[in-house]
């Protein structure tokens, strides 16, 4: 990967690809983790996103739009991975009639896990347009403008959808 980064940096002397990775690495991982809820899968998706960004870097017309562009790539890849995971899970567990219970240590940890799982399920039940905005806005440093760039909608719409999603979640989690 270092050889690829060096070649890209030589191609674009203003800001090298390695520097762009360093600037966006945390956020890209957080977007993937927010969608997938699993750090191993999030790391894979983040790596895939940077690989695709590297492969298509020459097609990026405006270099200053790299952040929004790579955010969009990782969000789409994470959604695709999640859809694939759901399909495989449905196929592989169709023969089972009961879910396996997760072993939990301690009552406090159990309550937290149950609440977190319930919250995840309720987020999944939200309409897609509310769910995607909420998931992206939960990532650190992803404001309404950044989320809007990723999804291609105005920042005001993002704020409105986040408000609506939070309101619906508060009602069902009571």
Protein backbone atom coordinates (compact mmCIF):
# COMPACT_ATOMS: atom_id res chain seq x y z
CA UNK A 1 0.00 0.00 0.00
CA UNK A 2 2.93 2.35 0.71
CA UNK A 3 4.10 2.10 -2.91
CA UNK A 4 0.59 3.02 -4.08
CA UNK A 5 0.51 6.01 -1.75
CA UNK A 6 3.94 7.17 -2.92
CA UNK A 7 2.89 6.99 -6.58
CA UNK A 8 -0.30 8.94 -5.88
CA UNK A 9 1.59 11.59 -3.91
CA UNK A 10 3.99 12.02 -6.82
CA UNK A 11 0.96 12.39 -9.13
CA UNK A 12 -0.62 15.11 -6.95
CA UNK A 13 2.04 17.26 -5.27
CA UNK A 14 -0.46 19.50 -3.42
CA UNK A 15 -1.87 16.91 -1.05
CA UNK A 16 -0.79 13.28 -1.24
CA UNK A 17 -3.16 10.38 -1.00
CA UNK A 18 -1.47 9.18 2.20
CA UNK A 19 -2.21 12.51 3.83
CA UNK A 20 -5.83 12.30 2.70
CA UNK A 21 -6.11 8.84 4.26
CA UNK A 22 -4.67 10.11 7.53
CA UNK A 23 -7.12 13.04 7.60
CA UNK A 24 -10.18 10.90 6.91
CA UNK A 25 -9.33 7.51 8.42
CA UNK A 26 -11.17 7.97 11.72
CA UNK A 27 -14.34 9.36 10.15
CA UNK A 28 -14.45 6.67 7.45
CA UNK A 29 -14.18 3.96 10.10
CA UNK A 30 -16.89 5.62 12.20
CA UNK A 31 -19.30 5.80 9.28
CA UNK A 32 -18.76 2.12 8.54
CA UNK A 33 -19.09 1.19 12.22
CA UNK A 34 -22.26 3.22 12.61
CA UNK A 35 -23.91 1.35 9.76
CA UNK A 36 -22.51 -2.12 10.52
CA UNK A 37 -22.15 -2.12 14.32
CA UNK A 38 -19.09 -4.37 14.10
CA UNK A 39 -15.50 -3.11 14.23
CA UNK A 40 -14.00 -5.95 12.17
CA UNK A 41 -16.46 -5.39 9.33
CA UNK A 42 -16.05 -1.63 9.67
CA UNK A 43 -12.27 -1.96 9.25
CA UNK A 44 -12.74 -4.10 6.14
CA UNK A 45 -15.19 -1.64 4.63
CA UNK A 46 -12.97 1.35 5.47
CA UNK A 47 -10.01 -0.33 3.80
CA UNK A 48 -12.13 -1.18 0.76
CA UNK A 49 -13.35 2.42 0.58
CA UNK A 50 -9.80 3.79 0.53
CA UNK A 51 -8.78 1.21 -2.06
CA UNK A 52 -11.67 2.24 -4.31
CA UNK A 53 -10.89 5.90 -3.72
CA UNK A 54 -7.30 5.25 -4.74
CA UNK A 55 -8.35 3.38 -7.87
CA UNK A 56 -10.73 6.17 -8.92
CA UNK A 57 -8.71 9.11 -7.57
CA UNK A 58 -7.89 10.36 -11.08
CA UNK A 59 -11.62 10.66 -11.84
CA UNK A 60 -12.17 13.05 -8.91
CA UNK A 61 -12.63 16.43 -10.59
CA UNK A 62 -12.26 18.60 -7.50
CA UNK A 63 -9.59 17.45 -5.06
CA UNK A 64 -11.11 19.53 -2.24
CA UNK A 65 -14.24 17.34 -2.43
CA UNK A 66 -12.26 14.22 -1.42
CA UNK A 67 -13.74 14.10 2.09
CA UNK A 68 -17.38 14.04 0.95
CA UNK A 69 -16.50 11.67 -1.88
CA UNK A 70 -14.81 9.08 0.33
CA UNK A 71 -17.61 9.43 2.94
CA UNK A 72 -20.12 8.60 0.22
CA UNK A 73 -18.06 5.60 -0.90
CA UNK A 74 -17.79 4.13 2.60
CA UNK A 75 -21.46 4.71 3.36
CA UNK A 76 -22.54 2.86 0.20
CA UNK A 77 -20.08 0.01 0.79
CA UNK A 78 -21.26 -0.39 4.39
CA UNK A 79 -24.91 -0.48 3.32
CA UNK A 80 -24.11 -3.09 0.69
CA UNK A 81 -22.22 -5.22 3.22
CA UNK A 82 -25.12 -4.97 5.68
CA UNK A 83 -27.64 -6.02 3.02
CA UNK A 84 -25.47 -8.98 2.06
CA UNK A 85 -25.07 -9.97 5.69
CA UNK A 86 -28.84 -9.88 6.22
CA UNK A 87 -29.46 -12.05 3.17
CA UNK A 88 -26.87 -14.62 4.28
CA UNK A 89 -28.21 -14.60 7.82
CA UNK A 90 -31.78 -15.15 6.65
CA UNK A 91 -30.66 -17.97 4.38
CA UNK A 92 -28.40 -19.65 6.94
CA UNK A 93 -30.85 -19.45 9.86
CA UNK A 94 -34.07 -20.23 8.02
CA UNK A 95 -34.08 -23.75 9.44
CA UNK A 96 -33.87 -22.55 13.02
CA UNK A 97 -37.03 -21.84 14.95
CA UNK A 98 -35.47 -20.15 17.95
CA UNK A 99 -32.75 -17.52 18.24
CA UNK A 100 -29.63 -18.34 20.18
CA UNK A 101 -29.31 -16.32 23.33
CA UNK A 102 -26.16 -14.30 23.85
CA UNK A 103 -24.32 -15.04 27.08
CA UNK A 104 -23.92 -11.86 29.11
CA UNK A 105 -21.80 -11.21 32.20
CA UNK A 106 -23.55 -9.36 34.99
CA UNK A 107 -27.01 -7.87 35.29
CA UNK A 108 -25.91 -4.32 34.46
CA UNK A 109 -24.18 -5.44 31.28
CA UNK A 110 -27.25 -7.49 30.36
CA UNK A 111 -29.59 -4.52 30.76
CA UNK A 112 -27.30 -2.32 28.69
CA UNK A 113 -27.05 -4.92 25.94
CA UNK A 114 -30.81 -5.41 25.88
CA UNK A 115 -31.42 -1.67 25.65
CA UNK A 116 -28.77 -1.26 22.97
CA UNK A 117 -30.21 -4.15 20.96
CA UNK A 118 -33.70 -2.74 21.32
CA UNK A 119 -32.47 0.68 20.18
CA UNK A 120 -30.72 -0.89 17.15
CA UNK A 121 -33.94 -2.73 16.22
CA UNK A 122 -35.99 0.44 16.54
CA UNK A 123 -33.49 2.34 14.39
CA UNK A 124 -33.78 -0.42 11.78
CA UNK A 125 -37.57 0.03 11.80
CA UNK A 126 -37.32 3.73 10.96
CA UNK A 127 -38.03 4.69 7.35
CA UNK A 128 -34.87 4.48 5.24
CA UNK A 129 -34.54 8.25 4.73
CA UNK A 130 -34.67 8.87 8.50
CA UNK A 131 -32.47 5.90 9.38
CA UNK A 132 -29.61 6.82 7.03
CA UNK A 133 -29.56 10.46 8.18
CA UNK A 134 -29.61 9.43 11.83
CA UNK A 135 -26.84 6.87 11.41
CA UNK A 136 -24.56 9.32 9.65
CA UNK A 137 -25.27 12.16 12.08
CA UNK A 138 -24.28 9.95 15.03
CA UNK A 139 -20.73 9.78 13.71
CA UNK A 140 -18.36 12.29 15.35
CA UNK A 141 -17.69 15.41 13.32
CA UNK A 142 -20.48 14.65 10.86
CA UNK A 143 -22.61 17.75 10.90
CA UNK A 144 -25.69 18.42 8.82
CA UNK A 145 -23.60 19.78 5.93
CA UNK A 146 -21.39 16.67 5.82
CA UNK A 147 -24.35 14.30 6.00
CA UNK A 148 -26.09 16.32 3.30
CA UNK A 149 -23.05 15.98 1.04
CA UNK A 150 -22.95 12.22 1.53
CA UNK A 151 -26.65 11.76 0.82
CA UNK A 152 -27.04 14.56 -1.71
CA UNK A 153 -29.69 16.49 0.26
CA UNK A 154 -29.74 20.00 1.80
CA UNK A 155 -28.47 20.50 5.36
CA UNK A 156 -31.88 21.78 6.49
CA UNK A 157 -33.48 18.54 5.35
CA UNK A 158 -30.84 16.62 7.30
CA UNK A 159 -31.60 18.54 10.49
CA UNK A 160 -35.34 18.03 10.03
CA UNK A 161 -34.97 14.29 9.45
CA UNK A 162 -32.66 13.86 12.45
CA UNK A 163 -35.18 15.66 14.64
CA UNK A 164 -38.02 13.49 13.35
CA UNK A 165 -36.01 10.28 13.79
CA UNK A 166 -35.02 11.15 17.37
CA UNK A 167 -38.61 12.07 18.22
CA UNK A 168 -39.89 8.72 16.90
CA UNK A 169 -37.18 6.82 18.79
CA UNK A 170 -38.00 8.61 22.04
CA UNK A 171 -41.66 7.66 21.67
CA UNK A 172 -41.01 3.95 21.07
CA UNK A 173 -38.26 3.62 23.69
CA UNK A 174 -40.43 4.92 26.58
